[in-house]
Protein backbone atom coordinates (compact mmCIF):
# COMPACT_ATOMS: atom_id res chain seq x y z
CA ILE A 1 -0.04 -0.12 -0.24
CA PHE A 2 2.77 2.12 0.72
CA ILE A 3 4.87 1.84 -2.36
CA ILE A 4 1.69 2.36 -4.73
CA PHE A 5 0.62 5.42 -2.35
CA ILE A 6 4.10 6.72 -3.09
CA HIS A 7 3.93 5.89 -6.90
CA GLN A 8 0.64 8.07 -7.37
CA THR A 9 1.79 10.43 -4.97
CA ILE A 10 4.72 11.22 -7.70
CA PHE A 11 2.50 11.02 -11.12
CA GLN A 12 -0.91 11.36 -10.22
CA LYS A 13 -0.21 15.01 -10.73
CA PHE A 14 0.76 14.79 -14.65
CA PHE A 15 -2.91 13.84 -15.05
CA THR A 16 -4.54 17.85 -15.19
CA ASP A 17 -5.81 20.09 -17.65
CA ASN A 18 -2.37 20.39 -19.24
CA LEU A 19 -1.97 16.61 -20.65
CA GLY A 20 0.37 14.80 -22.67
CA HIS A 21 -0.19 15.81 -26.34
CA ASP A 22 -1.15 12.18 -27.70
CA TYR A 23 -4.24 12.49 -25.50
CA GLU A 24 -5.46 15.18 -28.19
CA HIS A 25 -5.89 11.39 -30.22
CA PHE A 26 -7.08 9.31 -27.44
CA ILE A 27 -9.73 11.18 -25.57
CA PRO A 28 -12.28 11.99 -28.23
CA TYR A 29 -12.30 8.42 -29.39
CA LEU A 30 -13.19 7.93 -25.96
CA ILE A 31 -15.68 10.52 -25.77
CA PHE A 32 -17.43 9.43 -28.96
CA GLY A 33 -17.25 5.88 -27.39
CA LYS A 34 -19.13 7.18 -24.51
CA ILE A 35 -21.70 9.24 -27.16
CA TRP A 36 -22.04 5.98 -28.74
CA PHE A 37 -23.02 3.71 -25.41
CA GLN A 38 -25.54 6.29 -24.26
CA ASN A 39 -27.66 6.33 -28.07
CA ASN A 40 -26.56 2.40 -29.10
CA PHE A 41 -25.83 0.62 -26.06
CA LEU A 42 -23.32 -2.09 -27.31
CA ALA A 43 -24.14 -1.99 -30.63
CA ILE A 44 -20.52 -2.31 -32.74
CA PRO A 45 -19.72 1.14 -33.73
CA TRP A 46 -18.19 0.33 -37.02
CA PHE A 47 -17.91 3.53 -38.28
CA THR A 48 -17.58 7.00 -36.99
CA PRO A 49 -18.17 10.40 -39.02
CA SER A 50 -16.42 12.32 -36.07
CA PHE A 51 -12.78 12.36 -37.34
CA CYS A 52 -11.40 12.94 -40.54
CA CYS A 53 -14.43 13.46 -42.70
CA GLY A 54 -15.40 9.85 -41.65
CA LEU A 55 -13.80 6.77 -40.79
CA PRO A 56 -14.09 2.67 -39.94
CA TYR A 57 -13.89 2.86 -35.96
CA PHE A 58 -14.00 -0.66 -34.59
CA ALA A 59 -11.52 -1.76 -37.39
CA ASP A 60 -9.13 0.75 -36.14
CA PRO A 61 -6.44 -1.17 -34.20
CA GLN A 62 -6.17 1.76 -31.51
CA SER A 63 -9.78 2.37 -31.23
CA MET A 64 -10.86 0.91 -27.43
CA PHE A 65 -14.58 0.23 -27.26
CA TYR A 66 -14.76 -2.82 -25.88
CA SER A 67 -12.41 -2.15 -23.28
CA ILE A 68 -11.18 -1.06 -19.30
CA ASN A 69 -10.13 1.86 -20.71
CA GLN A 70 -14.01 2.49 -22.21
CA LEU A 71 -15.70 1.49 -19.40
CA VAL A 72 -13.75 3.95 -16.70
CA PHE A 73 -14.69 6.96 -19.42
CA LEU A 74 -18.52 6.30 -19.54
CA ILE A 75 -18.79 6.90 -15.60
CA PHE A 76 -16.27 9.66 -15.00
CA ASP A 77 -15.44 13.01 -16.64
CA PRO A 78 -12.40 12.69 -19.08
CA ILE A 79 -9.65 14.30 -16.46
CA GLN A 80 -10.90 12.14 -13.55
CA ALA A 81 -11.30 9.33 -15.74
CA LEU A 82 -8.00 9.14 -16.37
CA LYS A 83 -6.60 9.91 -13.25
CA ILE A 84 -8.56 6.22 -12.16
CA LEU A 85 -7.31 4.53 -15.22
CA PHE A 86 -3.96 5.47 -14.40
CA PHE A 87 -4.81 3.82 -10.86
CA ILE A 88 -6.43 0.58 -11.88
CA LEU A 89 -3.29 -0.04 -14.49
CA SER A 90 -0.63 1.11 -11.87
CA LEU A 91 -2.45 -1.89 -9.68
CA ILE A 92 -2.93 -4.35 -11.91
CA SER A 93 1.05 -3.93 -12.76
CA PHE A 94 2.42 -4.33 -9.25
CA LEU A 95 0.10 -6.93 -8.29
CA GLY A 96 0.48 -8.72 -11.39
CA MET A 97 4.36 -8.72 -11.22
CA PHE A 98 3.98 -9.75 -7.48
CA LEU A 99 1.91 -12.87 -7.61
CA PHE A 100 3.75 -14.04 -11.27
CA SER A 101 7.23 -13.20 -9.02
CA LYS A 102 5.73 -15.84 -6.12
CA LYS A 103 4.89 -18.60 -8.94
CA LEU A 104 8.30 -18.04 -9.83
CA GLY A 105 9.74 -19.09 -6.61
CA PHE A 106 10.67 -16.05 -5.42
CA SER A 107 10.35 -14.92 -1.18
CA LYS A 108 7.47 -12.67 -1.08
CA TYR A 109 10.35 -9.68 -0.22
CA THR A 110 11.87 -10.30 -3.78
CA ALA A 111 8.37 -10.46 -5.07
CA LEU A 112 7.98 -6.91 -3.87
CA LEU A 113 10.82 -5.53 -5.18
CA CYS A 114 10.18 -7.07 -8.77
CA ALA A 115 6.39 -5.64 -8.10
CA SER A 116 8.19 -2.36 -7.60
CA LEU A 117 10.35 -2.20 -10.30
CA PHE A 118 7.84 -3.05 -12.73
CA LEU A 119 5.18 -0.43 -11.57
CA PHE A 120 8.21 2.11 -11.78
CA ASN A 121 8.84 0.81 -15.06
CA GLY A 122 9.40 4.36 -17.61
CA PHE A 123 7.69 2.17 -20.46
CA PHE A 124 4.42 2.48 -18.48
CA ILE A 125 5.06 5.52 -16.58
CA TYR A 126 5.92 8.30 -19.15
CA ARG A 127 3.63 6.43 -22.12
CA ALA A 128 0.73 7.37 -19.66
CA ILE A 129 1.46 10.71 -19.00
CA ILE A 130 2.37 11.49 -23.02
CA GLY A 131 -0.83 9.97 -23.74
CA HIS A 132 0.17 7.00 -25.42
CA LEU A 133 -3.10 5.02 -24.34
CA ALA A 134 -2.75 2.32 -26.83
CA TYR A 135 0.51 0.86 -25.33
CA LEU A 136 -0.67 0.88 -21.55
CA SER A 137 -1.93 -2.49 -21.64
CA TYR A 138 1.24 -3.83 -21.75
CA VAL A 139 1.23 -4.10 -17.66
CA PHE A 140 -1.15 -6.95 -18.01
CA ILE A 141 2.09 -9.08 -19.09
CA PRO A 142 2.40 -10.62 -15.23
CA LEU A 143 -1.26 -11.08 -14.54
CA PHE A 144 -1.60 -13.10 -18.06
CA CYS A 145 1.71 -15.07 -17.05
CA PHE A 146 0.15 -15.45 -13.37
CA PHE A 147 -2.93 -17.10 -15.01
CA LEU A 148 -0.98 -19.03 -17.36
CA VAL A 149 0.74 -20.50 -14.32
CA LYS A 150 -1.65 -21.47 -12.71
CA SER A 151 -3.49 -22.92 -15.38
CA PHE A 152 -0.35 -25.74 -15.89
CA GLU A 153 -0.51 -26.35 -12.10
CA LYS A 154 -1.55 -29.62 -10.56
CA GLN A 155 -4.98 -28.85 -9.38
CA ASN A 156 -8.28 -29.78 -10.57
CA LEU A 157 -9.56 -29.44 -14.08
CA LYS A 158 -11.66 -27.13 -13.87
CA SER A 159 -9.36 -24.53 -11.96
CA ARG A 160 -7.24 -25.35 -14.80
CA ILE A 161 -9.76 -24.77 -17.37
CA ILE A 162 -10.72 -21.27 -15.47
CA ASN A 163 -7.38 -20.02 -15.11
CA LEU A 164 -7.17 -20.79 -19.16
CA ILE A 165 -10.18 -18.83 -19.94
CA PHE A 166 -8.49 -15.76 -17.48
CA SER A 167 -5.33 -15.48 -19.69
CA SER A 168 -7.34 -16.07 -22.77
CA LEU A 169 -9.79 -12.87 -22.06
CA ILE A 170 -6.39 -10.62 -21.28
CA PHE A 171 -4.82 -11.85 -24.30
CA ALA A 172 -8.22 -10.63 -26.00
CA ASN A 173 -7.83 -7.02 -24.00
CA PHE A 174 -4.31 -6.55 -25.53
CA PHE A 175 -6.10 -5.87 -28.84
CA HIS A 176 -9.51 -4.82 -27.62
CA SER A 177 -8.05 -1.94 -25.59
CA GLY A 178 -6.06 -0.35 -29.03
CA SER A 179 -2.61 -2.46 -28.17
CA GLY A 180 -2.97 -3.98 -31.92
CA PRO A 181 0.34 -2.08 -33.05
CA ILE A 182 2.64 -3.54 -30.45
CA ILE A 183 0.76 -6.86 -30.58
CA LEU A 184 3.93 -8.33 -31.63
CA ILE A 185 6.29 -6.94 -28.79
CA ILE A 186 3.56 -8.16 -26.43
CA THR A 187 3.60 -11.76 -27.27
CA VAL A 188 7.59 -12.14 -27.62
CA SER A 189 7.65 -10.31 -24.21
CA ILE A 190 5.31 -12.94 -23.11
CA PHE A 191 7.04 -15.99 -24.52
CA CYS A 192 10.66 -14.44 -23.12
CA THR A 193 9.11 -14.26 -19.49
CA ILE A 194 7.31 -18.04 -19.86
CA LEU A 195 10.80 -19.22 -20.98
CA LEU A 196 12.17 -17.96 -18.03
CA TYR A 197 9.79 -19.76 -15.95
CA CYS A 198 10.66 -23.11 -17.80
CA ILE A 199 14.13 -22.71 -17.27
CA ILE A 200 13.40 -22.08 -13.64
CA LYS A 201 11.38 -24.98 -13.13
CA ASN A 202 12.93 -27.28 -15.78
CA ASN A 203 9.98 -27.93 -17.66
CA PHE A 204 8.58 -26.76 -21.19
CA LYS A 205 4.86 -28.37 -21.10
CA ILE A 206 3.26 -25.09 -20.19
CA PHE A 207 3.91 -24.10 -24.17
CA TYR A 208 0.96 -26.25 -24.67
CA ASN A 209 -1.44 -23.67 -22.56
CA PHE A 210 0.44 -21.11 -24.19
CA PHE A 211 -0.12 -21.78 -27.67
CA LEU A 212 -3.63 -22.52 -26.31
CA SER A 213 -4.58 -19.32 -24.85
CA LEU A 214 -2.88 -17.47 -27.49
CA PHE A 215 -5.71 -19.43 -29.51
CA LEU A 216 -8.46 -18.84 -27.77
CA GLY A 217 -7.53 -14.84 -26.69
CA SER A 218 -7.09 -14.75 -31.00
CA LEU A 219 -11.18 -16.37 -31.48
CA ILE A 220 -12.44 -14.15 -28.57
CA SER A 221 -10.96 -11.06 -30.44
CA LEU A 222 -10.86 -12.02 -33.97
CA SER A 223 -14.05 -9.61 -34.61
CA LYS A 224 -11.14 -6.89 -34.40
């Protein structure tokens, strides 16, 4: 709690009326999503006349209508939504890395160190400040790996299937939250992380679950 508090105290001050330059692209997108939701509920926003004299909306790799980002914007005004979204993603970043580090066999103090380092990494923080909103889903990688490992552990079949579905939903979230342009970077990062797990545990069979999770996640996000 103290680490999260320090992190938010330092960086929340960047989310004011004077936002990073790339928010001029994403905030109008999310405001359009809010208007669309109010008028059409969950119907797919295939096209919008609101930008560039009209363009495909759902097909845009960086649109994020079916995502946590859009959900927060549906409820709150833009500045408040960004503050809350940054807090949520920070929490996911920290807890995801802590839980996955524990799965690697690290002590709770080492896991806390890993989680803190990942939380304060420059990619997440400064992309958030600049406004590269589509790249922020990168913080879901440790949580994806955690559920993937849980699906591989010796437990009852129902639990393994549920954890595999969770990992697939997180992989689908990478597409639906606008991270399509960096999906190759995300996939390679996951692959290297799982490879590290395999080396530590001396067991490479988890790659079957890994490819199955990627396949299911791709099916879930196939329309995107």
